[in-house]
Amino acid sequence: NLDPAGVHVRQDSPFKSVKELLDDIKKNPGKHKASGTGQGG
């Protein structure tokens, strides 16, 4: 069994591609927070 990781945002997110999201992360470090498991999971 293997369940690969994905990159998920809200449906109403302004980012339509992962490239757009990554560009914004680079421009605004600390703006985006992520979750989905414990620290180091």
Full PDB file with SEQRES, HELIX, SHEET, SSBOND, CRYST1, ORIGX, SCALE, CONECT and MASTER records, all heavy atoms in Angstrom:
SEQRES   1 A   41  ASN LEU ASP PRO ALA GLY VAL HIS VAL ARG GLN ASP SER          
SEQRES   2 A   41  PRO PHE LYS SER VAL LYS GLU LEU LEU ASP ASP ILE LYS          
SEQRES   3 A   41  LYS ASN PRO GLY LYS HIS LYS ALA SER GLY THR GLY GLN          
SEQRES   4 A   41  GLY GLY                                                      
HELIX    1 AA1 VAL A   18  LYS A   27  1                                  10    
CRYST1    1.000    1.000    1.000  90.00  90.00  90.00 P 1           1          
ORIGX1      1.000000  0.000000  0.000000        0.00000                         
ORIGX2      0.000000  1.000000  0.000000        0.00000                         
ORIGX3      0.000000  0.000000  1.000000        0.00000                         
SCALE1      1.000000  0.000000  0.000000        0.00000                         
SCALE2      0.000000  1.000000  0.000000        0.00000                         
SCALE3      0.000000  0.000000  1.000000        0.00000                         
ATOM      1  N   ASN A   1       0.832  -1.198   0.000  1.00  0.00           N  
ATOM      2  CA  ASN A   1       0.000   0.000   0.000  1.00  0.00           C  
ATOM      3  C   ASN A   1       0.869   1.250   0.000  1.00  0.00           C  
ATOM      4  O   ASN A   1       1.900   1.299   0.653  1.00  0.00           O  
ATOM      5  CB  ASN A   1      -0.907  -0.023   1.242  1.00  0.00           C  
ATOM      6  CG  ASN A   1      -1.385   1.347   1.684  1.00  0.00           C  
ATOM      7  OD1 ASN A   1      -0.920   1.857   2.694  1.00  0.00           O  
ATOM      8  ND2 ASN A   1      -2.308   1.947   0.949  1.00  0.00           N  
ATOM      9  N   LEU A   2       0.463   2.247  -0.768  1.00  0.00           N  
ATOM     10  CA  LEU A   2       1.120   3.546  -0.756  1.00  0.00           C  
ATOM     11  C   LEU A   2       0.088   4.621  -1.041  1.00  0.00           C  
ATOM     12  O   LEU A   2      -0.628   4.557  -2.044  1.00  0.00           O  
ATOM     13  CB  LEU A   2       2.240   3.618  -1.805  1.00  0.00           C  
ATOM     14  CG  LEU A   2       2.895   4.995  -1.991  1.00  0.00           C  
ATOM     15  CD1 LEU A   2       3.631   5.411  -0.720  1.00  0.00           C  
ATOM     16  CD2 LEU A   2       3.852   4.991  -3.179  1.00  0.00           C  
ATOM     17  N   ASP A   3       0.010   5.591  -0.134  1.00  0.00           N  
ATOM     18  CA  ASP A   3      -0.860   6.748  -0.335  1.00  0.00           C  
ATOM     19  C   ASP A   3       0.021   7.989  -0.401  1.00  0.00           C  
ATOM     20  O   ASP A   3       0.440   8.526   0.628  1.00  0.00           O  
ATOM     21  CB  ASP A   3      -1.874   6.871   0.817  1.00  0.00           C  
ATOM     22  CG  ASP A   3      -2.915   5.763   0.775  1.00  0.00           C  
ATOM     23  OD1 ASP A   3      -3.436   5.497  -0.319  1.00  0.00           O  
ATOM     24  OD2 ASP A   3      -3.200   5.170   1.824  1.00  0.00           O  
ATOM     25  N   PRO A   4       0.353   8.434  -1.624  1.00  0.00           N  
ATOM     26  CA  PRO A   4       1.239   9.580  -1.786  1.00  0.00           C  
ATOM     27  C   PRO A   4       0.666  10.855  -1.178  1.00  0.00           C  
ATOM     28  O   PRO A   4      -0.556  11.034  -1.099  1.00  0.00           O  
ATOM     29  CB  PRO A   4       1.365   9.715  -3.310  1.00  0.00           C  
ATOM     30  CG  PRO A   4       0.974   8.387  -3.849  1.00  0.00           C  
ATOM     31  CD  PRO A   4      -0.071   7.874  -2.911  1.00  0.00           C  
ATOM     32  N   ALA A   5       1.556  11.730  -0.764  1.00  0.00           N  
ATOM     33  CA  ALA A   5       1.143  13.032  -0.247  1.00  0.00           C  
ATOM     34  C   ALA A   5       0.588  13.882  -1.380  1.00  0.00           C  
ATOM     35  O   ALA A   5       0.975  13.737  -2.543  1.00  0.00           O  
ATOM     36  CB  ALA A   5       2.340  13.739   0.385  1.00  0.00           C  
ATOM     37  N   GLY A   6      -0.328  14.773  -1.027  1.00  0.00           N  
ATOM     38  CA  GLY A   6      -0.869  15.719  -1.997  1.00  0.00           C  
ATOM     39  C   GLY A   6      -0.683  17.136  -1.483  1.00  0.00           C  
ATOM     40  O   GLY A   6      -0.153  17.360  -0.394  1.00  0.00           O  
ATOM     41  N   VAL A   7      -1.104  18.097  -2.265  1.00  0.00           N  
ATOM     42  CA  VAL A   7      -1.102  19.501  -1.829  1.00  0.00           C  
ATOM     43  C   VAL A   7      -2.530  19.987  -1.979  1.00  0.00           C  
ATOM     44  O   VAL A   7      -3.046  20.097  -3.096  1.00  0.00           O  
ATOM     45  CB  VAL A   7      -0.148  20.366  -2.678  1.00  0.00           C  
ATOM     46  CG1 VAL A   7      -0.187  21.819  -2.188  1.00  0.00           C  
ATOM     47  CG2 VAL A   7       1.271  19.823  -2.629  1.00  0.00           C  
ATOM     48  N   HIS A   8      -3.175  20.272  -0.844  1.00  0.00           N  
ATOM     49  CA  HIS A   8      -4.591  20.622  -0.851  1.00  0.00           C  
ATOM     50  C   HIS A   8      -4.826  22.023  -0.276  1.00  0.00           C  
ATOM     51  O   HIS A   8      -4.219  22.383   0.742  1.00  0.00           O  
ATOM     52  CB  HIS A   8      -5.395  19.611  -0.043  1.00  0.00           C  
ATOM     53  CG  HIS A   8      -5.188  18.197  -0.474  1.00  0.00           C  
ATOM     54  ND1 HIS A   8      -5.712  17.687  -1.649  1.00  0.00           N  
ATOM     55  CD2 HIS A   8      -4.483  17.185   0.080  1.00  0.00           C  
ATOM     56  CE1 HIS A   8      -5.352  16.419  -1.781  1.00  0.00           C  
ATOM     57  NE2 HIS A   8      -4.601  16.100  -0.744  1.00  0.00           N  
ATOM     58  N   VAL A   9      -5.706  22.764  -0.932  1.00  0.00           N  
ATOM     59  CA  VAL A   9      -6.107  24.088  -0.463  1.00  0.00           C  
ATOM     60  C   VAL A   9      -7.640  24.138  -0.448  1.00  0.00           C  
ATOM     61  O   VAL A   9      -8.300  23.234  -0.945  1.00  0.00           O  
ATOM     62  CB  VAL A   9      -5.552  25.210  -1.370  1.00  0.00           C  
ATOM     63  CG1 VAL A   9      -4.025  25.223  -1.341  1.00  0.00           C  
ATOM     64  CG2 VAL A   9      -6.051  25.044  -2.809  1.00  0.00           C  
ATOM     65  N   ARG A  10      -8.188  25.208   0.112  1.00  0.00           N  
ATOM     66  CA  ARG A  10      -9.646  25.369   0.074  1.00  0.00           C  
ATOM     67  C   ARG A  10     -10.120  25.567  -1.356  1.00  0.00           C  
ATOM     68  O   ARG A  10      -9.390  26.087  -2.209  1.00  0.00           O  
ATOM     69  CB  ARG A  10     -10.080  26.569   0.918  1.00  0.00           C  
ATOM     70  CG  ARG A  10      -9.991  26.354   2.409  1.00  0.00           C  
ATOM     71  CD  ARG A  10     -10.631  27.509   3.175  1.00  0.00           C  
ATOM     72  NE  ARG A  10     -10.062  28.793   2.805  1.00  0.00           N  
ATOM     73  CZ  ARG A  10      -8.924  29.275   3.285  1.00  0.00           C  
ATOM     74  NH1 ARG A  10      -8.228  28.554   4.157  1.00  0.00           N  
ATOM     75  NH2 ARG A  10      -8.472  30.445   2.907  1.00  0.00           N  
ATOM     76  N   GLN A  11     -11.345  25.191  -1.605  1.00  0.00           N  
ATOM     77  CA  GLN A  11     -11.905  25.338  -2.950  1.00  0.00           C  
ATOM     78  C   GLN A  11     -11.920  26.794  -3.399  1.00  0.00           C  
ATOM     79  O   GLN A  11     -11.744  27.096  -4.577  1.00  0.00           O  
ATOM     80  CB  GLN A  11     -13.328  24.753  -2.985  1.00  0.00           C  
ATOM     81  CG  GLN A  11     -13.963  24.738  -4.374  1.00  0.00           C  
ATOM     82  CD  GLN A  11     -13.228  23.830  -5.355  1.00  0.00           C  
ATOM     83  OE1 GLN A  11     -12.743  22.778  -4.969  1.00  0.00           O  
ATOM     84  NE2 GLN A  11     -13.139  24.235  -6.612  1.00  0.00           N  
ATOM     85  N   ASP A  12     -12.111  27.718  -2.445  1.00  0.00           N  
ATOM     86  CA  ASP A  12     -12.168  29.141  -2.802  1.00  0.00           C  
ATOM     87  C   ASP A  12     -10.800  29.823  -2.736  1.00  0.00           C  
ATOM     88  O   ASP A  12     -10.700  31.044  -2.799  1.00  0.00           O  
ATOM     89  CB  ASP A  12     -13.159  29.882  -1.900  1.00  0.00           C  
ATOM     90  CG  ASP A  12     -12.757  29.835  -0.425  1.00  0.00           C  
ATOM     91  OD1 ASP A  12     -11.739  29.191  -0.095  1.00  0.00           O  
ATOM     92  OD2 ASP A  12     -13.477  30.438   0.406  1.00  0.00           O  
ATOM     93  N   SER A  13      -9.736  29.025  -2.638  1.00  0.00           N  
ATOM     94  CA  SER A  13      -8.388  29.593  -2.611  1.00  0.00           C  
ATOM     95  C   SER A  13      -8.087  30.306  -3.921  1.00  0.00           C  
ATOM     96  O   SER A  13      -8.494  29.848  -5.002  1.00  0.00           O  
ATOM     97  CB  SER A  13      -7.354  28.484  -2.397  1.00  0.00           C  
ATOM     98  OG  SER A  13      -6.035  28.961  -2.610  1.00  0.00           O  
ATOM     99  N   PRO A  14      -7.361  31.420  -3.868  1.00  0.00           N  
ATOM    100  CA  PRO A  14      -7.003  32.117  -5.104  1.00  0.00           C  
ATOM    101  C   PRO A  14      -5.960  31.368  -5.934  1.00  0.00           C  
ATOM    102  O   PRO A  14      -5.723  31.714  -7.094  1.00  0.00           O  
ATOM    103  CB  PRO A  14      -6.445  33.450  -4.603  1.00  0.00           C  
ATOM    104  CG  PRO A  14      -5.939  33.155  -3.226  1.00  0.00           C  
ATOM    105  CD  PRO A  14      -6.891  32.144  -2.673  1.00  0.00           C  
ATOM    106  N   PHE A  15      -5.356  30.328  -5.339  1.00  0.00           N  
ATOM    107  CA  PHE A  15      -4.293  29.600  -6.028  1.00  0.00           C  
ATOM    108  C   PHE A  15      -4.874  28.419  -6.801  1.00  0.00           C  
ATOM    109  O   PHE A  15      -5.456  27.504  -6.214  1.00  0.00           O  
ATOM    110  CB  PHE A  15      -3.233  29.139  -5.027  1.00  0.00           C  
ATOM    111  CG  PHE A  15      -2.715  30.258  -4.177  1.00  0.00           C  
ATOM    112  CD1 PHE A  15      -3.052  30.353  -2.832  1.00  0.00           C  
ATOM    113  CD2 PHE A  15      -1.932  31.260  -4.736  1.00  0.00           C  
ATOM    114  CE1 PHE A  15      -2.603  31.399  -2.056  1.00  0.00           C  
ATOM    115  CE2 PHE A  15      -1.473  32.317  -3.962  1.00  0.00           C  
ATOM    116  CZ  PHE A  15      -1.814  32.388  -2.619  1.00  0.00           C  
ATOM    117  N   LYS A  16      -4.707  28.456  -8.105  1.00  0.00           N  
ATOM    118  CA  LYS A  16      -5.261  27.415  -8.975  1.00  0.00           C  
ATOM    119  C   LYS A  16      -4.240  26.340  -9.332  1.00  0.00           C  
ATOM    120  O   LYS A  16      -4.573  25.336  -9.951  1.00  0.00           O  
ATOM    121  CB  LYS A  16      -5.796  28.046 -10.263  1.00  0.00           C  
ATOM    122  CG  LYS A  16      -6.782  29.189 -10.038  1.00  0.00           C  
ATOM    123  CD  LYS A  16      -8.000  28.762  -9.237  1.00  0.00           C  
ATOM    124  CE  LYS A  16      -8.975  29.924  -9.061  1.00  0.00           C  
ATOM    125  NZ  LYS A  16     -10.114  29.575  -8.183  1.00  0.00           N  
ATOM    126  N   SER A  17      -2.994  26.568  -8.973  1.00  0.00           N  
ATOM    127  CA  SER A  17      -1.941  25.587  -9.253  1.00  0.00           C  
ATOM    128  C   SER A  17      -0.942  25.609  -8.111  1.00  0.00           C  
ATOM    129  O   SER A  17      -0.838  26.593  -7.366  1.00  0.00           O  
ATOM    130  CB  SER A  17      -1.229  25.905 -10.571  1.00  0.00           C  
ATOM    131  OG  SER A  17      -0.416  27.060 -10.429  1.00  0.00           O  
ATOM    132  N   VAL A  18      -0.189  24.526  -7.966  1.00  0.00           N  
ATOM    133  CA  VAL A  18       0.807  24.478  -6.906  1.00  0.00           C  
ATOM    134  C   VAL A  18       1.925  25.478  -7.181  1.00  0.00           C  
ATOM    135  O   VAL A  18       2.531  26.020  -6.242  1.00  0.00           O  
ATOM    136  CB  VAL A  18       1.356  23.044  -6.750  1.00  0.00           C  
ATOM    137  CG1 VAL A  18       2.250  22.646  -7.929  1.00  0.00           C  
ATOM    138  CG2 VAL A  18       2.119  22.885  -5.444  1.00  0.00           C  
ATOM    139  N   LYS A  19       2.182  25.762  -8.462  1.00  0.00           N  
ATOM    140  CA  LYS A  19       3.211  26.752  -8.794  1.00  0.00           C  
ATOM    141  C   LYS A  19       2.814  28.134  -8.274  1.00  0.00           C  
ATOM    142  O   LYS A  19       3.648  28.867  -7.733  1.00  0.00           O  
ATOM    143  CB  LYS A  19       3.440  26.790 -10.304  1.00  0.00           C  
ATOM    144  CG  LYS A  19       4.643  27.628 -10.724  1.00  0.00           C  
ATOM    145  CD  LYS A  19       4.884  27.516 -12.216  1.00  0.00           C  
ATOM    146  CE  LYS A  19       6.145  28.270 -12.613  1.00  0.00           C  
ATOM    147  NZ  LYS A  19       6.159  29.677 -12.187  1.00  0.00           N  
ATOM    148  N   GLU A  20       1.546  28.498  -8.429  1.00  0.00           N  
ATOM    149  CA  GLU A  20       1.074  29.786  -7.917  1.00  0.00           C  
ATOM    150  C   GLU A  20       1.216  29.854  -6.400  1.00  0.00           C  
ATOM    151  O   GLU A  20       1.633  30.874  -5.836  1.00  0.00           O  
ATOM    152  CB  GLU A  20      -0.380  30.012  -8.317  1.00  0.00           C  
ATOM    153  CG  GLU A  20      -0.600  30.234  -9.805  1.00  0.00           C  
ATOM    154  CD  GLU A  20      -2.073  30.384 -10.143  1.00  0.00           C  
ATOM    155  OE1 GLU A  20      -2.904  30.338  -9.202  1.00  0.00           O  
ATOM    156  OE2 GLU A  20      -2.407  30.537 -11.323  1.00  0.00           O  
ATOM    157  N   LEU A  21       0.882  28.761  -5.733  1.00  0.00           N  
ATOM    158  CA  LEU A  21       0.997  28.711  -4.279  1.00  0.00           C  
ATOM    159  C   LEU A  21       2.453  28.853  -3.850  1.00  0.00           C  
ATOM    160  O   LEU A  21       2.769  29.624  -2.932  1.00  0.00           O  
ATOM    161  CB  LEU A  21       0.427  27.386  -3.764  1.00  0.00           C  
ATOM    162  CG  LEU A  21       0.611  27.102  -2.268  1.00  0.00           C  
ATOM    163  CD1 LEU A  21      -0.153  28.117  -1.416  1.00  0.00           C  
ATOM    164  CD2 LEU A  21       0.160  25.677  -1.930  1.00  0.00           C  
ATOM    165  N   LEU A  22       3.343  28.137  -4.506  1.00  0.00           N  
ATOM    166  CA  LEU A  22       4.757  28.190  -4.152  1.00  0.00           C  
ATOM    167  C   LEU A  22       5.353  29.571  -4.405  1.00  0.00           C  
ATOM    168  O   LEU A  22       6.189  30.045  -3.628  1.00  0.00           O  
ATOM    169  CB  LEU A  22       5.527  27.121  -4.932  1.00  0.00           C  
ATOM    170  CG  LEU A  22       5.235  25.668  -4.522  1.00  0.00           C  
ATOM    171  CD1 LEU A  22       5.780  24.695  -5.546  1.00  0.00           C  
ATOM    172  CD2 LEU A  22       5.822  25.386  -3.139  1.00  0.00           C  
ATOM    173  N   ASP A  23       4.935  30.214  -5.465  1.00  0.00           N  
ATOM    174  CA  ASP A  23       5.405  31.576  -5.736  1.00  0.00           C  
ATOM    175  C   ASP A  23       5.016  32.515  -4.599  1.00  0.00           C  
ATOM    176  O   ASP A  23       5.808  33.372  -4.174  1.00  0.00           O  
ATOM    177  CB  ASP A  23       4.826  32.087  -7.059  1.00  0.00           C  
ATOM    178  CG  ASP A  23       5.479  31.453  -8.284  1.00  0.00           C  
ATOM    179  OD1 ASP A  23       6.578  30.879  -8.118  1.00  0.00           O  
ATOM    180  OD2 ASP A  23       4.888  31.509  -9.378  1.00  0.00           O  
ATOM    181  N   ASP A  24       3.800  32.351  -4.088  1.00  0.00           N  
ATOM    182  CA  ASP A  24       3.344  33.208  -2.988  1.00  0.00           C  
ATOM    183  C   ASP A  24       4.077  32.884  -1.689  1.00  0.00           C  
ATOM    184  O   ASP A  24       4.357  33.781  -0.888  1.00  0.00           O  
ATOM    185  CB  ASP A  24       1.836  33.058  -2.800  1.00  0.00           C  
ATOM    186  CG  ASP A  24       1.240  34.214  -2.016  1.00  0.00           C  
ATOM    187  OD1 ASP A  24       1.330  35.370  -2.492  1.00  0.00           O  
ATOM    188  OD2 ASP A  24       0.701  33.972  -0.911  1.00  0.00           O  
ATOM    189  N   ILE A  25       4.385  31.592  -1.487  1.00  0.00           N  
ATOM    190  CA  ILE A  25       5.153  31.201  -0.294  1.00  0.00           C  
ATOM    191  C   ILE A  25       6.531  31.849  -0.316  1.00  0.00           C  
ATOM    192  O   ILE A  25       7.025  32.342   0.712  1.00  0.00           O  
ATOM    193  CB  ILE A  25       5.267  29.662  -0.221  1.00  0.00           C  
ATOM    194  CG1 ILE A  25       3.909  29.049   0.137  1.00  0.00           C  
ATOM    195  CG2 ILE A  25       6.332  29.246   0.790  1.00  0.00           C  
ATOM    196  CD1 ILE A  25       3.871  27.545   0.037  1.00  0.00           C  
ATOM    197  N   LYS A  26       7.155  31.878  -1.490  1.00  0.00           N  
ATOM    198  CA  LYS A  26       8.478  32.486  -1.609  1.00  0.00           C  
ATOM    199  C   LYS A  26       8.427  33.995  -1.377  1.00  0.00           C  
ATOM    200  O   LYS A  26       9.328  34.567  -0.754  1.00  0.00           O  
ATOM    201  CB  LYS A  26       9.069  32.184  -2.993  1.00  0.00           C  
ATOM    202  CG  LYS A  26       9.544  30.750  -3.149  1.00  0.00           C  
ATOM    203  CD  LYS A  26      10.290  30.519  -4.448  1.00  0.00           C  
ATOM    204  CE  LYS A  26       9.349  30.401  -5.633  1.00  0.00           C  
ATOM    205  NZ  LYS A  26      10.067  29.998  -6.879  1.00  0.00           N  
ATOM    206  N   LYS A  27       7.377  34.635  -1.852  1.00  0.00           N  
ATOM    207  CA  LYS A  27       7.235  36.081  -1.681  1.00  0.00           C  
ATOM    208  C   LYS A  27       6.840  36.467  -0.262  1.00  0.00           C  
ATOM    209  O   LYS A  27       7.193  37.548   0.220  1.00  0.00           O  
ATOM    210  CB  LYS A  27       6.182  36.618  -2.659  1.00  0.00           C  
ATOM    211  CG  LYS A  27       6.570  36.527  -4.112  1.00  0.00           C  
ATOM    212  CD  LYS A  27       5.414  36.967  -5.006  1.00  0.00           C  
ATOM    213  CE  LYS A  27       5.739  36.807  -6.471  1.00  0.00           C  
ATOM    214  NZ  LYS A  27       4.581  37.134  -7.350  1.00  0.00           N  
ATOM    215  N   ASN A  28       6.098  35.559   0.400  1.00  0.00           N  
ATOM    216  CA  ASN A  28       5.554  35.881   1.725  1.00  0.00           C  
ATOM    217  C   ASN A  28       5.820  34.749   2.728  1.00  0.00           C  
ATOM    218  O   ASN A  28       4.888  34.078   3.165  1.00  0.00           O  
ATOM    219  CB  ASN A  28       4.050  36.129   1.625  1.00  0.00           C  
ATOM    220  CG  ASN A  28       3.697  37.238   0.660  1.00  0.00           C  
ATOM    221  OD1 ASN A  28       3.899  38.410   0.938  1.00  0.00           O  
ATOM    222  ND2 ASN A  28       3.171  36.846  -0.507  1.00  0.00           N  
ATOM    223  N   PRO A  29       7.095  34.525   3.092  1.00  0.00           N  
ATOM    224  CA  PRO A  29       7.389  33.449   4.051  1.00  0.00           C  
ATOM    225  C   PRO A  29       6.673  33.683   5.376  1.00  0.00           C  
ATOM    226  O   PRO A  29       6.644  34.798   5.894  1.00  0.00           O  
ATOM    227  CB  PRO A  29       8.912  33.523   4.202  1.00  0.00           C  
ATOM    228  CG  PRO A  29       9.297  34.883   3.728  1.00  0.00           C  
ATOM    229  CD  PRO A  29       8.315  35.251   2.682  1.00  0.00           C  
ATOM    230  N   GLY A  30       6.056  32.622   5.893  1.00  0.00           N  
ATOM    231  CA  GLY A  30       5.327  32.724   7.153  1.00  0.00           C  
ATOM    232  C   GLY A  30       3.848  33.005   6.994  1.00  0.00           C  
ATOM    233  O   GLY A  30       3.071  32.828   7.945  1.00  0.00           O  
ATOM    234  N   LYS A  31       3.429  33.428   5.815  1.00  0.00           N  
ATOM    235  CA  LYS A  31       2.014  33.744   5.579  1.00  0.00           C  
ATOM    236  C   LYS A  31       1.149  32.496   5.583  1.00  0.00           C  
ATOM    237  O   LYS A  31       0.035  32.496   6.131  1.00  0.00           O  
ATOM    238  CB  LYS A  31       1.872  34.464   4.235  1.00  0.00           C  
ATOM    239  CG  LYS A  31       0.444  34.662   3.761  1.00  0.00           C  
ATOM    240  CD  LYS A  31       0.407  35.291   2.364  1.00  0.00           C  
ATOM    241  CE  LYS A  31      -1.003  35.324   1.801  1.00  0.00           C  
ATOM    242  NZ  LYS A  31      -1.025  35.885   0.422  1.00  0.00           N  
ATOM    243  N   HIS A  32       1.631  31.438   4.989  1.00  0.00           N  
ATOM    244  CA  HIS A  32       0.855  30.205   4.852  1.00  0.00           C  
ATOM    245  C   HIS A  32       1.213  29.209   5.943  1.00  0.00           C  
ATOM    246  O   HIS A  32       2.386  28.925   6.178  1.00  0.00           O  
ATOM    247  CB  HIS A  32       1.103  29.566   3.484  1.00  0.00           C  
ATOM    248  CG  HIS A  32       0.641  30.417   2.347  1.00  0.00           C  
ATOM    249  ND1 HIS A  32      -0.658  30.450   1.923  1.00  0.00           N  
ATOM    250  CD2 HIS A  32       1.335  31.284   1.551  1.00  0.00           C  
ATOM    251  CE1 HIS A  32      -0.780  31.293   0.906  1.00  0.00           C  
ATOM    252  NE2 HIS A  32       0.416  31.811   0.660  1.00  0.00           N  
ATOM    253  N   LYS A  33       0.197  28.665   6.598  1.00  0.00           N  
ATOM    254  CA  LYS A  33       0.393  27.621   7.601  1.00  0.00           C  
ATOM    255  C   LYS A  33      -0.165  26.305   7.052  1.00  0.00           C  
ATOM    256  O   LYS A  33      -1.087  26.300   6.244  1.00  0.00           O  
ATOM    257  CB  LYS A  33      -0.308  27.984   8.908  1.00  0.00           C  
ATOM    258  CG  LYS A  33       0.288  29.209   9.608  1.00  0.00           C  
ATOM    259  CD  LYS A  33      -0.435  29.491  10.907  1.00  0.00           C  
ATOM    260  CE  LYS A  33       0.225  30.633  11.671  1.00  0.00           C  
ATOM    261  NZ  LYS A  33       0.177  31.899  10.936  1.00  0.00           N  
ATOM    262  N   ALA A  34       0.420  25.203   7.519  1.00  0.00           N  
ATOM    263  CA  ALA A  34      -0.008  23.882   7.052  1.00  0.00           C  
ATOM    264  C   ALA A  34      -0.277  22.963   8.231  1.00  0.00           C  
ATOM    265  O   ALA A  34       0.242  23.182   9.337  1.00  0.00           O  
ATOM    266  CB  ALA A  34       1.059  23.271   6.149  1.00  0.00           C  
ATOM    267  N   SER A  35      -1.089  21.929   8.010  1.00  0.00           N  
ATOM    268  CA  SER A  35      -1.414  20.977   9.064  1.00  0.00           C  
ATOM    269  C   SER A  35      -1.776  19.631   8.437  1.00  0.00           C  
ATOM    270  O   SER A  35      -1.797  19.494   7.220  1.00  0.00           O  
ATOM    271  CB  SER A  35      -2.573  21.509   9.919  1.00  0.00           C  
ATOM    272  OG  SER A  35      -2.784  20.686  11.052  1.00  0.00           O  
ATOM    273  N   GLY A  36      -2.054  18.642   9.302  1.00  0.00           N  
ATOM    274  CA  GLY A  36      -2.465  17.332   8.808  1.00  0.00           C  
ATOM    275  C   GLY A  36      -1.929  16.161   9.588  1.00  0.00           C  
ATOM    276  O   GLY A  36      -2.316  15.017   9.358  1.00  0.00           O  
ATOM    277  N   THR A  37      -1.039  16.402  10.532  1.00  0.00           N  
ATOM    278  CA  THR A  37      -0.508  15.356  11.404  1.00  0.00           C  
ATOM    279  C   THR A  37       0.277  16.041  12.513  1.00  0.00           C  
ATOM    280  O   THR A  37       0.332  17.268  12.577  1.00  0.00           O  
ATOM    281  CB  THR A  37       0.392  14.381  10.612  1.00  0.00           C  
ATOM    282  OG1 THR A  37       0.734  13.274  11.439  1.00  0.00           O  
ATOM    283  CG2 THR A  37       1.676  15.048  10.164  1.00  0.00           C  
ATOM    284  N   GLY A  38       0.886  15.251  13.389  1.00  0.00           N  
ATOM    285  CA  GLY A  38       1.693  15.826  14.444  1.00  0.00           C  
ATOM    286  C   GLY A  38       3.011  16.371  13.919  1.00  0.00           C  
ATOM    287  O   GLY A  38       3.380  16.155  12.765  1.00  0.00           O  
ATOM    288  N   GLN A  39       3.716  17.085  14.767  1.00  0.00           N  
ATOM    289  CA  GLN A  39       5.035  17.607  14.407  1.00  0.00           C  
ATOM    290  C   GLN A  39       5.960  16.448  14.069  1.00  0.00           C  
ATOM    291  O   GLN A  39       6.122  15.510  14.845  1.00  0.00           O  
ATOM    292  CB  GLN A  39       5.611  18.395  15.589  1.00  0.00           C  
ATOM    293  CG  GLN A  39       6.893  19.147  15.279  1.00  0.00           C  
ATOM    294  CD  GLN A  39       6.628  20.496  14.635  1.00  0.00           C  
ATOM    295  OE1 GLN A  39       5.486  20.914  14.530  1.00  0.00           O  
ATOM    296  NE2 GLN A  39       7.679  21.171  14.210  1.00  0.00           N  
ATOM    297  N   GLY A  40       6.544  16.478  12.885  1.00  0.00           N  
ATOM    298  CA  GLY A  40       7.441  15.415  12.468  1.00  0.00           C  
ATOM    299  C   GLY A  40       6.747  14.212  11.872  1.00  0.00           C  
ATOM    300  O   GLY A  40       7.399  13.224  11.556  1.00  0.00           O  
ATOM    301  N   GLY A  41       5.407  14.274  11.697  1.00  0.00           N  
ATOM    302  CA  GLY A  41       4.673  13.194  11.064  1.00  0.00           C  
ATOM    303  C   GLY A  41       4.899  13.180   9.564  1.00  0.00           C  
ATOM    304  O   GLY A  41       5.508  14.084   8.991  1.00  0.00           O  
TER     305      GLY A  41                                                      
MASTER        0    0    0    1    0    0    0    6  304    1    0    4          
END                                                                             
